[in-house]
Amino acid sequence: MPIPIIDLFAGPGGLAEGFSSRTDKDGIRIFDIKLSIEKDLFAHQTLTLRSFVRQFPFRKLPTEYYRFLKEEITISELYSFYPDEYAEAIKEAMLATLGETPIDEIDDKIRSGLDSNNNWVLIGGPPCQAYSMAGRSRVGGIHEDDLRVDLYKEYLRIIACHQPAIFVMENVKGLLSAELNDEKIFHKILRDLKDPSSVFPQYQSASYTIYSLVKSNVKKDSDYLIKAEDYGIPQKRHRVILLGLRNDIERKPGILSPKKKVNLKSIIGGLPAVRSGIYREFSHSETHIVEGKAKKKRYYTSLKDSYEGWLIYITKYGNELINTLGKLNHTVTLNDNYPRNVGKPYLSHKDETIDKSHSLFEWYNDKNIGGIIQHISRAHLVQDLKRYLFASLYTNIFHKFPRMEDYRKYGEDLIPDHDNAESGKFSDRFRVQLSGEPATTVTSHISKDGHYFIHYDPVQCRSFTVREAARIQTFPDNYYFCGSRTSQLHQVGNAVPPYLAYQISEIVENILNSEHSATNNDLVLFDYKAQ
């Protein structure tokens, strides 16, 4: 029987995707996602759609799904073709806010999904903004009245009440250094996870042993930190991931096996080239005194996007930058093979967009799509085009992205008209991703402006598309994100990389199905490269 899973704080379903992608030798899923709980409306819609996908045999999706991806039918029409599968998807994906939705409602859904099965797995990542180093710097540390600090207790309560055999909990690196009242929050969380009844005495909970997924013998807090780039993820994403094992299970989990690093170009370089859009131009700013304080008001001119209009700016800025860099003895050139369009929700594309020999080819690839989905660039402020163009040219010369002082060195007009530009806090405000290395961490901030995720190709002169961000996070190419582009990017940035979750799922599966574990050769795990 498949192993049941409950997914809390599910986001768009990165953890669930990894676990549900593990199959036996007959292609049957080893894990069964029984319930996914998420409070964000659009992420919940994404979860519902992916749950719908899981109602079909692994990698055998109906024709209508691909018609939906190609925008030939709507999502409502897709669901209408398969009402039973849609009903199951609605049953699994729950729109709820842990900590606000009544406990009885949550518990009833969990019991219904588990159907008295004791050997099940809890996965999820409680919201981490309170612990993140960026979040703490914005508000001056962690405060007792910040309700987000204790959100992990919603996860803990479900452990105490329902006692999973195993739980997998993910959080940010900043959790390791976060303190409240001179106590490390991480140490408190570890104590609570080991003994859930100490926080929730109303439940007679089993106790748990907490394991690292990368170190057999834990000696320090950082031994719980997973550096995703060491495990075949094309991204330098460092996260705390804990594995909790109920103490009646007498089997020690294994650890992840290191893999060859995957560089950025190998996974996005084959995607169709698309140009940036333009939507306005900075005119000037004026400083006004409002209630005794100086406030700056900025003025812009609206622009209508077109290839011809975009090309005028790119050609002008390109010539200026080549001239400036040339005077400083840096030889750079720009080819004139500029992409004409900004992309589409569906781009027909017959060629492979990733090398067939790539270790992740089968993970991403779905030949039935016949193209690429959600590969549309943003429209940018035209002055940012020059900054993007400079940043990519600079990176091609020096093999590192420029800091704010480098922008000043090469032209005052490269400095943005922002109050924080001179503060030193955002010296890396415009960050080009290096083609020959794993990308830096994709976070939800990518939904705001994209300045941290500039494409390395100067002629495209833009930030990453949803599909590029999704590839960096290792979402398969047929994974569709619902909502606006801003929401899609936010979902992608908040997710756990599915391919990392897939590797973790092998460790979990080997514990619960030890008699059929891969080490005994009774089970052939799905090898994406071999298929």
Protein backbone atom coordinates (compact mmCIF):
# COMPACT_ATOMS: atom_id res chain seq x y z
CA MET A 1 0.00 0.00 0.00
CA PRO A 2 1.23 3.53 -0.73
CA ILE A 3 2.58 5.43 2.28
CA PRO A 4 0.19 8.26 3.28
CA ILE A 5 1.51 11.84 3.46
CA ILE A 6 0.07 14.98 5.05
CA ASP A 7 1.62 18.23 3.74
CA LEU A 8 1.40 21.37 5.91
CA PHE A 9 2.22 24.92 4.82
CA ALA A 10 2.37 23.28 1.41
CA GLY A 11 2.98 26.30 -0.83
CA PRO A 12 2.72 25.18 -4.47
CA GLY A 13 3.68 21.61 -3.51
CA GLY A 14 7.44 21.23 -3.94
CA LEU A 15 7.87 18.67 -1.18
CA ALA A 16 4.80 16.72 -2.28
CA GLU A 17 6.01 16.68 -5.89
CA GLY A 18 9.29 15.11 -4.87
CA PHE A 19 7.71 12.46 -2.67
CA SER A 20 4.95 11.58 -5.13
CA SER A 21 7.49 11.17 -7.96
CA ARG A 22 9.03 8.10 -6.33
CA THR A 23 7.64 4.92 -7.87
CA ASP A 24 8.18 1.19 -7.68
CA LYS A 25 9.32 -1.05 -10.54
CA ASP A 26 5.78 -1.09 -11.96
CA GLY A 27 5.52 2.70 -12.01
CA ILE A 28 3.18 2.81 -9.00
CA ARG A 29 3.67 5.74 -6.64
CA ILE A 30 5.19 4.75 -3.30
CA PHE A 31 3.77 7.80 -1.49
CA ASP A 32 0.17 8.99 -1.54
CA ILE A 33 -0.51 12.66 -0.74
CA LYS A 34 -3.67 12.50 1.36
CA LEU A 35 -3.94 16.15 2.39
CA SER A 36 -2.16 19.40 1.46
CA ILE A 37 -2.94 22.49 3.53
CA GLU A 38 -2.15 25.99 2.23
CA LYS A 39 -3.58 29.43 3.03
CA ASP A 40 -2.66 31.31 -0.17
CA LEU A 41 -5.48 31.22 -2.71
CA PHE A 42 -3.34 30.92 -5.84
CA ALA A 43 -0.93 28.41 -4.31
CA HIS A 44 -3.99 26.39 -3.30
CA GLN A 45 -5.20 26.48 -6.91
CA THR A 46 -1.80 25.20 -8.01
CA LEU A 47 -1.99 22.43 -5.39
CA THR A 48 -5.46 21.44 -6.57
CA LEU A 49 -4.29 21.19 -10.18
CA ARG A 50 -1.26 19.11 -9.25
CA SER A 51 -3.39 16.84 -7.09
CA PHE A 52 -5.64 16.41 -10.12
CA VAL A 53 -2.55 15.38 -12.12
CA ARG A 54 -1.69 12.76 -9.48
CA GLN A 55 -5.06 11.06 -9.93
CA PHE A 56 -3.70 9.65 -13.19
CA PRO A 57 -0.97 6.99 -13.52
CA PHE A 58 2.53 8.37 -13.16
CA ARG A 59 3.64 10.15 -16.35
CA LYS A 60 0.46 9.16 -18.18
CA LEU A 61 -1.52 12.37 -18.27
CA PRO A 62 -4.63 12.78 -20.41
CA THR A 63 -4.58 14.67 -23.70
CA GLU A 64 -6.84 17.33 -22.22
CA TYR A 65 -4.15 18.34 -19.73
CA TYR A 66 -1.80 19.26 -22.57
CA ARG A 67 -4.63 21.08 -24.31
CA PHE A 68 -4.99 23.13 -21.13
CA LEU A 69 -1.25 23.90 -21.08
CA LYS A 70 -1.52 25.05 -24.70
CA GLU A 71 -4.49 27.30 -23.76
CA GLU A 72 -6.85 25.38 -26.03
CA ILE A 73 -9.21 24.78 -23.10
CA THR A 74 -9.70 26.44 -19.71
CA ILE A 75 -8.92 24.84 -16.38
CA SER A 76 -12.67 24.53 -15.71
CA GLU A 77 -13.12 22.67 -18.97
CA LEU A 78 -10.20 20.39 -18.07
CA TYR A 79 -11.82 19.50 -14.76
CA SER A 80 -15.19 18.96 -16.42
CA PHE A 81 -13.72 16.15 -18.53
CA TYR A 82 -12.69 14.27 -15.37
CA PRO A 83 -15.17 15.05 -12.56
CA ASP A 84 -14.14 12.10 -10.36
CA GLU A 85 -10.46 13.02 -10.46
CA TYR A 86 -11.32 16.65 -9.79
CA ALA A 87 -13.43 15.63 -6.79
CA GLU A 88 -10.43 13.76 -5.36
CA ALA A 89 -8.21 16.78 -5.94
CA ILE A 90 -10.62 19.06 -4.07
CA LYS A 91 -10.70 16.54 -1.24
CA GLU A 92 -6.89 16.57 -0.97
CA ALA A 93 -6.05 20.28 -1.38
CA MET A 94 -7.37 22.27 1.58
CA LEU A 95 -7.50 26.07 1.66
CA ALA A 96 -6.92 26.80 5.34
CA THR A 97 -4.75 28.86 7.68
CA LEU A 98 -3.08 26.85 10.40
CA GLY A 99 -3.52 28.75 13.64
CA GLU A 100 -6.81 30.31 12.49
CA THR A 101 -8.87 27.50 10.94
CA PRO A 102 -10.62 25.55 13.74
CA ILE A 103 -8.48 22.70 15.07
CA ASP A 104 -11.35 20.20 14.87
CA GLU A 105 -11.75 20.92 11.16
CA ILE A 106 -8.05 20.30 10.53
CA ASP A 107 -7.97 17.15 12.66
CA ASP A 108 -11.07 15.68 11.00
CA LYS A 109 -9.48 16.14 7.56
CA ILE A 110 -6.26 14.47 8.72
CA ARG A 111 -8.07 11.50 10.29
CA SER A 112 -10.20 11.08 7.20
CA GLY A 113 -7.12 11.05 4.97
CA LEU A 114 -5.13 8.65 7.12
CA ASP A 115 -7.98 6.19 7.72
CA SER A 116 -6.33 4.80 10.90
CA ASN A 117 -2.96 4.22 9.22
CA ASN A 118 -0.17 4.73 11.79
CA ASN A 119 2.78 4.54 9.42
CA TRP A 120 2.42 7.85 7.66
CA VAL A 121 4.65 10.86 6.96
CA LEU A 122 4.20 14.53 7.83
CA ILE A 123 6.00 17.06 5.61
CA GLY A 124 6.06 20.83 5.43
CA GLY A 125 7.85 24.07 6.16
CA PRO A 126 6.34 26.49 8.68
CA PRO A 127 6.61 30.13 7.45
CA CYS A 128 10.12 31.38 7.98
CA GLN A 129 10.06 35.18 7.57
CA ALA A 130 10.54 35.74 11.31
CA TYR A 131 13.73 33.65 11.30
CA SER A 132 15.27 34.76 8.00
CA MET A 133 18.30 37.01 8.26
CA ALA A 134 16.82 39.45 5.74
CA GLY A 135 13.56 39.65 7.68
CA ARG A 136 15.34 40.15 10.99
CA SER A 137 17.49 42.95 9.56
CA ARG A 138 14.40 44.81 8.36
CA VAL A 139 12.71 44.86 11.77
CA GLY A 140 15.74 44.86 14.06
CA GLY A 141 15.67 41.27 15.26
CA ILE A 142 13.00 38.88 16.54
CA HIS A 143 10.22 40.11 18.81
CA GLU A 144 8.04 38.17 21.24
CA ASP A 145 4.85 39.67 19.81
CA ASP A 146 5.65 38.39 16.30
CA LEU A 147 3.08 35.61 15.88
CA ARG A 148 5.16 34.01 13.12
CA VAL A 149 7.79 32.93 15.67
CA ASP A 150 5.47 30.27 17.07
CA LEU A 151 3.93 29.06 13.81
CA TYR A 152 6.07 25.93 14.04
CA LYS A 153 3.84 24.97 17.00
CA GLU A 154 0.97 24.42 14.55
CA TYR A 155 3.17 21.79 12.92
CA LEU A 156 4.18 20.48 16.36
CA ARG A 157 0.55 20.19 17.51
CA ILE A 158 -0.26 17.94 14.59
CA ILE A 159 2.75 15.77 15.45
CA ALA A 160 1.55 15.56 19.07
CA CYS A 161 -2.04 14.77 18.15
CA HIS A 162 -1.59 12.44 15.15
CA GLN A 163 1.91 11.02 15.75
CA PRO A 164 3.37 10.40 12.29
CA ALA A 165 5.97 7.69 11.92
CA ILE A 166 8.27 10.24 10.30
CA PHE A 167 8.18 13.97 9.79
CA VAL A 168 10.27 16.16 7.49
CA MET A 169 10.38 19.84 8.44
CA GLU A 170 12.07 22.54 6.35
CA ASN A 171 13.12 26.06 7.31
CA VAL A 172 15.59 28.81 6.46
CA LYS A 173 19.27 28.90 7.37
CA GLY A 174 18.58 31.89 9.62
CA LEU A 175 16.78 29.58 12.06
CA LEU A 176 20.19 28.36 13.25
CA SER A 177 21.23 31.81 14.49
CA ALA A 178 17.85 33.27 15.49
CA GLU A 179 17.53 34.14 19.20
CA LEU A 180 14.71 35.26 21.46
CA ASN A 181 15.32 36.30 25.08
CA ASP A 182 18.95 35.18 24.79
CA GLU A 183 17.93 31.64 23.82
CA LYS A 184 18.55 30.05 20.45
CA ILE A 185 15.16 29.39 18.87
CA PHE A 186 16.57 26.37 17.04
CA HIS A 187 17.47 24.62 20.30
CA LYS A 188 13.98 25.26 21.65
CA ILE A 189 12.38 23.86 18.50
CA LEU A 190 14.57 20.75 18.67
CA ARG A 191 13.53 20.12 22.29
CA ASP A 192 9.87 20.55 21.42
CA LEU A 193 10.06 18.26 18.39
CA LYS A 194 11.69 15.53 20.45
CA ASP A 195 8.93 15.67 23.08
CA PRO A 196 5.72 17.15 21.59
CA SER A 197 3.72 16.46 24.78
CA SER A 198 5.91 18.91 26.67
CA VAL A 199 4.18 21.68 24.73
CA PHE A 200 0.83 19.93 24.22
CA PRO A 201 0.25 17.82 27.36
CA GLN A 202 -3.38 17.20 26.35
CA TYR A 203 -2.02 14.66 23.85
CA GLN A 204 -0.16 11.55 24.96
CA SER A 205 2.38 11.79 22.19
CA ALA A 206 5.23 9.49 21.36
CA SER A 207 8.71 10.98 21.51
CA TYR A 208 10.96 11.48 18.48
CA THR A 209 14.61 11.39 17.55
CA ILE A 210 15.73 14.19 15.25
CA TYR A 211 18.22 13.37 12.49
CA SER A 212 20.30 15.31 10.01
CA LEU A 213 19.88 14.35 6.37
CA VAL A 214 23.51 15.10 5.54
CA LYS A 215 25.50 14.05 8.63
CA SER A 216 25.44 10.64 10.32
CA ASN A 217 26.81 12.05 13.56
CA VAL A 218 25.62 15.53 14.44
CA LYS A 219 28.20 17.61 16.30
CA LYS A 220 26.96 21.15 15.69
CA ASP A 221 23.81 22.98 14.62
CA SER A 222 25.07 23.54 11.08
CA ASP A 223 25.12 19.76 10.56
CA TYR A 224 21.36 20.04 9.96
CA LEU A 225 21.94 22.43 7.05
CA ILE A 226 21.48 21.10 3.52
CA LYS A 227 23.39 22.86 0.73
CA ALA A 228 21.20 22.02 -2.23
CA GLU A 229 23.92 22.54 -4.85
CA ASP A 230 25.78 19.55 -3.34
CA TYR A 231 22.85 17.29 -4.27
CA GLY A 232 22.32 18.07 -7.95
CA ILE A 233 20.10 21.14 -7.51
CA PRO A 234 21.12 23.99 -9.87
CA GLN A 235 20.90 26.50 -7.04
CA LYS A 236 22.90 27.52 -3.97
CA ARG A 237 19.95 27.08 -1.66
CA HIS A 238 20.89 26.43 1.98
CA ARG A 239 18.08 25.24 4.19
CA VAL A 240 17.60 23.50 7.53
CA ILE A 241 15.73 20.24 6.97
CA LEU A 242 15.02 17.96 9.92
CA LEU A 243 13.92 14.34 9.85
CA GLY A 244 12.03 13.20 12.94
CA LEU A 245 11.63 9.47 13.60
CA ARG A 246 9.07 8.13 16.07
CA ASN A 247 10.93 6.28 18.79
CA ASP A 248 9.10 2.97 18.34
CA ILE A 249 10.75 2.61 14.91
CA GLU A 250 14.08 0.89 15.38
CA ARG A 251 15.82 1.91 12.21
CA LYS A 252 18.31 4.70 11.71
CA PRO A 253 17.82 6.77 8.54
CA GLY A 254 20.50 7.14 5.92
CA ILE A 255 21.81 10.42 4.56
CA LEU A 256 21.74 12.09 1.16
CA SER A 257 24.41 11.10 -1.37
CA PRO A 258 26.36 14.04 -2.85
CA LYS A 259 25.94 14.66 -6.57
CA LYS A 260 27.83 16.56 -9.23
CA LYS A 261 27.07 20.29 -9.27
CA VAL A 262 24.66 21.45 -11.97
CA ASN A 263 25.34 24.84 -13.56
CA LEU A 264 22.67 27.33 -14.54
CA LYS A 265 23.32 27.40 -18.29
CA SER A 266 22.85 23.64 -18.59
CA ILE A 267 19.23 23.89 -17.46
CA ILE A 268 18.01 27.24 -18.86
CA GLY A 269 20.42 27.88 -21.75
CA GLY A 270 18.34 25.83 -24.18
CA LEU A 271 15.07 27.64 -23.49
CA PRO A 272 13.83 29.94 -26.28
CA ALA A 273 15.43 33.40 -26.09
CA VAL A 274 12.96 36.14 -25.18
CA ARG A 275 13.57 39.86 -24.79
CA SER A 276 12.50 42.08 -21.93
CA GLY A 277 9.47 44.32 -22.26
CA ILE A 278 9.36 48.05 -21.54
CA TYR A 279 6.58 49.96 -19.83
CA ARG A 280 7.88 53.31 -18.57
CA GLU A 281 10.86 55.66 -18.46
CA PHE A 282 12.11 57.60 -15.44
CA SER A 283 11.78 61.36 -16.00
CA HIS A 284 12.88 63.15 -12.83
CA SER A 285 12.29 63.39 -9.11
CA GLU A 286 11.42 66.23 -6.76
CA THR A 287 11.90 66.48 -3.00
CA HIS A 288 8.98 67.84 -0.98
CA ILE A 289 8.66 68.52 2.74
CA VAL A 290 5.74 66.56 4.18
CA GLU A 291 5.02 66.96 7.91
CA GLY A 292 8.54 68.23 8.44
CA LYS A 293 10.18 65.32 6.59
CA ALA A 294 11.81 65.32 3.16
CA LYS A 295 9.98 63.00 0.76
CA LYS A 296 11.00 62.30 -2.79
CA LYS A 297 8.42 62.03 -5.54
CA ARG A 298 9.42 60.38 -8.80
CA TYR A 299 7.92 61.04 -12.21
CA TYR A 300 7.72 58.61 -15.11
CA THR A 301 6.65 58.59 -18.72
CA SER A 302 4.49 55.64 -19.79
CA LEU A 303 5.63 53.67 -22.83
CA LYS A 304 3.98 51.19 -25.15
CA ASP A 305 6.03 48.06 -25.60
CA SER A 306 7.23 47.05 -29.06
CA TYR A 307 10.26 45.30 -30.48
CA GLU A 308 11.21 48.42 -32.46
CA GLY A 309 10.98 50.67 -29.40
CA TRP A 310 12.88 48.18 -27.24
CA LEU A 311 15.61 47.85 -29.88
CA ILE A 312 16.20 51.61 -29.93
CA TYR A 313 17.03 51.60 -26.22
CA ILE A 314 19.13 48.42 -26.34
CA THR A 315 21.16 49.66 -29.31
CA LYS A 316 21.72 53.06 -27.68
CA TYR A 317 22.68 51.63 -24.30
CA GLY A 318 24.79 48.89 -25.87
CA ASN A 319 26.85 51.36 -27.89
CA GLU A 320 27.35 53.60 -24.84
CA LEU A 321 28.51 50.72 -22.66
CA ILE A 322 30.81 49.21 -25.28
CA ASN A 323 32.40 52.64 -25.73
CA THR A 324 32.81 53.13 -21.96
CA LEU A 325 34.22 49.66 -21.37
CA GLY A 326 36.52 50.03 -24.39
CA LYS A 327 38.06 53.20 -22.96
CA LEU A 328 38.93 51.15 -19.88
CA ASN A 329 40.62 48.48 -22.04
CA HIS A 330 37.79 45.94 -21.83
CA THR A 331 36.89 44.42 -25.17
CA VAL A 332 33.22 43.48 -25.41
CA THR A 333 30.86 42.92 -28.29
CA LEU A 334 27.13 42.48 -28.67
CA ASN A 335 25.74 40.34 -31.46
CA ASP A 336 22.66 41.65 -33.22
CA ASN A 337 20.68 38.44 -32.87
CA TYR A 338 18.09 40.03 -30.62
CA PRO A 339 14.95 38.05 -29.74
CA ARG A 340 11.85 39.71 -31.14
CA ASN A 341 9.18 38.60 -28.65
CA VAL A 342 8.71 38.64 -24.87
CA GLY A 343 7.47 35.06 -24.74
CA LYS A 344 4.00 33.55 -24.34
CA PRO A 345 2.03 31.45 -21.85
CA TYR A 346 2.70 28.60 -24.30
CA LEU A 347 5.57 28.60 -26.79
CA SER A 348 5.58 25.80 -29.35
CA HIS A 349 9.11 24.43 -29.52
CA LYS A 350 10.10 21.19 -31.23
CA ASP A 351 13.76 21.05 -30.18
CA GLU A 352 14.93 19.75 -26.82
CA THR A 353 15.48 22.59 -24.35
CA ILE A 354 17.92 20.59 -22.25
CA ASP A 355 20.57 18.12 -23.34
CA LYS A 356 19.35 14.52 -23.38
CA SER A 357 22.51 13.43 -21.59
CA HIS A 358 21.85 15.82 -18.70
CA SER A 359 21.28 14.16 -15.33
CA LEU A 360 17.98 16.03 -14.97
CA PHE A 361 16.68 15.62 -18.53
CA GLU A 362 14.03 13.04 -17.64
CA TRP A 363 13.12 14.91 -14.47
CA TYR A 364 12.18 18.05 -16.40
CA ASN A 365 11.15 16.68 -19.76
CA ASP A 366 7.64 15.91 -20.94
CA LYS A 367 7.64 15.44 -24.71
CA ASN A 368 3.85 15.65 -24.84
CA ILE A 369 3.93 19.38 -24.08
CA GLY A 370 5.49 20.11 -27.46
CA GLY A 371 6.89 23.37 -26.17
CA ILE A 372 7.43 25.53 -23.08
CA ILE A 373 4.85 26.98 -20.69
CA GLN A 374 4.93 30.18 -18.61
CA HIS A 375 8.06 31.55 -20.30
CA ILE A 376 7.21 35.25 -20.49
CA SER A 377 9.56 38.09 -19.57
CA ARG A 378 8.61 41.11 -17.50
CA ALA A 379 8.34 44.69 -18.66
CA HIS A 380 11.08 46.83 -17.14
CA LEU A 381 11.87 50.47 -16.52
CA VAL A 382 14.05 51.45 -19.50
CA GLN A 383 16.83 52.78 -17.26
CA ASP A 384 16.97 49.32 -15.70
CA LEU A 385 17.63 47.89 -19.16
CA LYS A 386 20.95 49.74 -19.21
CA ARG A 387 21.77 48.46 -15.72
CA TYR A 388 20.86 44.89 -16.74
CA LEU A 389 22.90 45.21 -19.93
CA PHE A 390 25.89 46.60 -18.05
CA ALA A 391 25.62 43.92 -15.37
CA SER A 392 25.63 41.06 -17.89
CA LEU A 393 28.51 42.57 -19.90
CA TYR A 394 30.49 43.18 -16.70
CA THR A 395 29.86 39.61 -15.58
CA ASN A 396 31.07 38.23 -18.91
CA ILE A 397 34.34 40.14 -18.43
CA PHE A 398 35.02 39.62 -14.73
CA HIS A 399 33.01 36.43 -14.02
CA LYS A 400 31.27 38.06 -11.07
CA PHE A 401 28.31 40.38 -10.80
CA PRO A 402 29.00 44.09 -10.20
CA ARG A 403 28.44 45.87 -6.89
CA MET A 404 26.95 49.34 -6.60
CA GLU A 405 30.42 50.92 -6.53
CA ASP A 406 31.15 49.26 -9.90
CA TYR A 407 28.05 50.86 -11.39
CA ARG A 408 29.29 54.28 -10.28
CA LYS A 409 32.72 53.60 -11.76
CA TYR A 410 31.24 52.99 -15.19
CA GLY A 411 28.61 55.74 -15.25
CA GLU A 412 26.59 57.91 -12.86
CA ASP A 413 23.43 57.13 -14.84
CA LEU A 414 23.80 53.49 -13.81
CA ILE A 415 23.03 54.45 -10.19
CA PRO A 416 19.27 54.10 -9.50
CA ASP A 417 17.36 57.03 -8.01
CA HIS A 418 16.62 55.19 -4.77
CA ASP A 419 17.21 56.36 -1.22
CA ASN A 420 18.91 53.08 -0.31
CA ALA A 421 21.27 53.16 -3.31
CA GLU A 422 23.82 55.08 -1.23
CA SER A 423 23.18 53.26 2.06
CA GLY A 424 25.50 50.34 1.40
CA LYS A 425 22.74 47.90 2.38
CA PHE A 426 21.96 46.98 -1.22
CA SER A 427 25.37 46.98 -2.87
CA ASP A 428 24.29 43.86 -4.77
CA ARG A 429 20.88 45.23 -5.75
CA PHE A 430 21.42 44.18 -9.40
CA ARG A 431 22.72 40.62 -9.51
CA VAL A 432 23.50 38.72 -12.69
CA GLN A 433 23.33 34.97 -12.33
CA LEU A 434 26.54 33.27 -13.45
CA SER A 435 26.03 30.80 -16.28
CA GLY A 436 28.77 28.38 -15.21
CA GLU A 437 27.62 27.96 -11.60
CA PRO A 438 24.45 26.98 -9.76
CA ALA A 439 22.15 29.99 -9.37
CA THR A 440 21.90 31.87 -6.10
CA THR A 441 18.87 31.15 -3.92
CA VAL A 442 15.54 31.76 -5.60
CA THR A 443 13.32 33.38 -2.97
CA SER A 444 9.86 34.92 -2.98
CA HIS A 445 11.55 38.30 -3.56
CA ILE A 446 11.84 37.33 -7.22
CA SER A 447 8.16 38.25 -7.48
CA LYS A 448 8.90 41.92 -6.69
CA ASP A 449 11.35 43.22 -9.29
CA GLY A 450 13.73 40.51 -10.52
CA HIS A 451 16.86 42.63 -9.95
CA TYR A 452 18.56 39.74 -8.12
CA PHE A 453 17.88 37.35 -10.98
CA ILE A 454 19.25 38.97 -14.16
CA HIS A 455 19.82 36.66 -17.12
CA TYR A 456 23.48 36.21 -18.07
CA ASP A 457 22.72 36.72 -21.80
CA PRO A 458 23.10 40.45 -22.63
CA VAL A 459 20.94 40.35 -25.76
CA GLN A 460 17.92 39.17 -23.75
CA CYS A 461 18.52 41.89 -21.13
CA ARG A 462 15.95 40.82 -18.56
CA SER A 463 15.19 39.04 -15.33
CA PHE A 464 14.16 35.39 -15.18
CA THR A 465 10.82 34.11 -16.38
CA VAL A 466 8.58 31.86 -14.29
CA ARG A 467 9.75 28.79 -16.22
CA GLU A 468 13.42 29.63 -15.70
CA ALA A 469 12.86 30.12 -11.96
CA ALA A 470 10.87 26.87 -11.89
CA ARG A 471 13.72 25.00 -13.60
CA ILE A 472 16.19 26.37 -11.06
CA GLN A 473 13.85 25.05 -8.36
CA THR A 474 13.64 21.71 -10.28
CA PHE A 475 9.91 21.77 -11.00
CA PRO A 476 9.12 19.53 -13.99
CA ASP A 477 8.26 21.37 -17.21
CA ASN A 478 4.62 20.26 -17.06
CA TYR A 479 4.13 21.86 -13.62
CA TYR A 480 1.67 24.72 -14.04
CA PHE A 481 1.47 27.59 -11.54
CA CYS A 482 -1.88 29.35 -11.13
CA GLY A 483 -2.51 33.05 -10.61
CA SER A 484 -0.82 36.17 -11.92
CA ARG A 485 2.85 36.14 -12.88
CA THR A 486 3.66 37.86 -9.58
CA SER A 487 1.86 35.08 -7.71
CA GLN A 488 3.52 32.39 -9.82
CA LEU A 489 6.99 33.74 -9.04
CA HIS A 490 6.11 34.06 -5.35
CA GLN A 491 5.02 30.43 -5.27
CA VAL A 492 8.17 29.23 -7.03
CA GLY A 493 10.41 31.20 -4.67
CA ASN A 494 8.72 29.80 -1.56
CA ALA A 495 8.94 26.16 -2.60
CA VAL A 496 11.24 23.32 -1.61
CA PRO A 497 13.06 22.01 -4.73
CA PRO A 498 11.12 18.89 -5.76
CA TYR A 499 14.23 17.01 -6.88
CA LEU A 500 15.75 17.49 -3.41
CA ALA A 501 12.50 16.24 -1.87
CA TYR A 502 12.66 13.26 -4.24
CA GLN A 503 16.05 12.31 -2.81
CA ILE A 504 14.79 12.73 0.75
CA SER A 505 11.85 10.50 -0.08
CA GLU A 506 14.21 7.59 -0.75
CA ILE A 507 15.55 7.84 2.80
CA VAL A 508 12.01 7.91 4.19
CA GLU A 509 10.86 5.04 1.99
CA ASN A 510 13.79 2.89 3.06
CA ILE A 511 12.82 3.33 6.71
CA LEU A 512 9.15 2.45 6.34
CA ASN A 513 9.51 -0.25 3.70
CA SER A 514 12.82 -1.64 4.95
CA GLU A 515 11.91 -5.15 3.93
CA HIS A 516 11.57 -3.91 0.36
CA SER A 517 14.30 -1.28 0.43
CA ALA A 518 16.59 -0.55 -2.45
CA THR A 519 19.50 -1.92 -0.42
CA ASN A 520 17.89 -5.38 -0.64
CA ASN A 521 17.29 -4.96 -4.39
CA ASP A 522 13.61 -5.86 -3.97
CA LEU A 523 12.55 -2.42 -5.18
CA VAL A 524 13.75 -0.61 -8.27
CA LEU A 525 13.47 3.13 -7.65
CA PHE A 526 12.66 5.34 -10.61
CA ASP A 527 15.88 6.41 -12.32
CA TYR A 528 15.13 9.55 -14.28
CA LYS A 529 18.36 9.43 -16.23
CA ALA A 530 17.82 5.82 -17.29
CA GLN A 531 14.27 6.26 -18.56
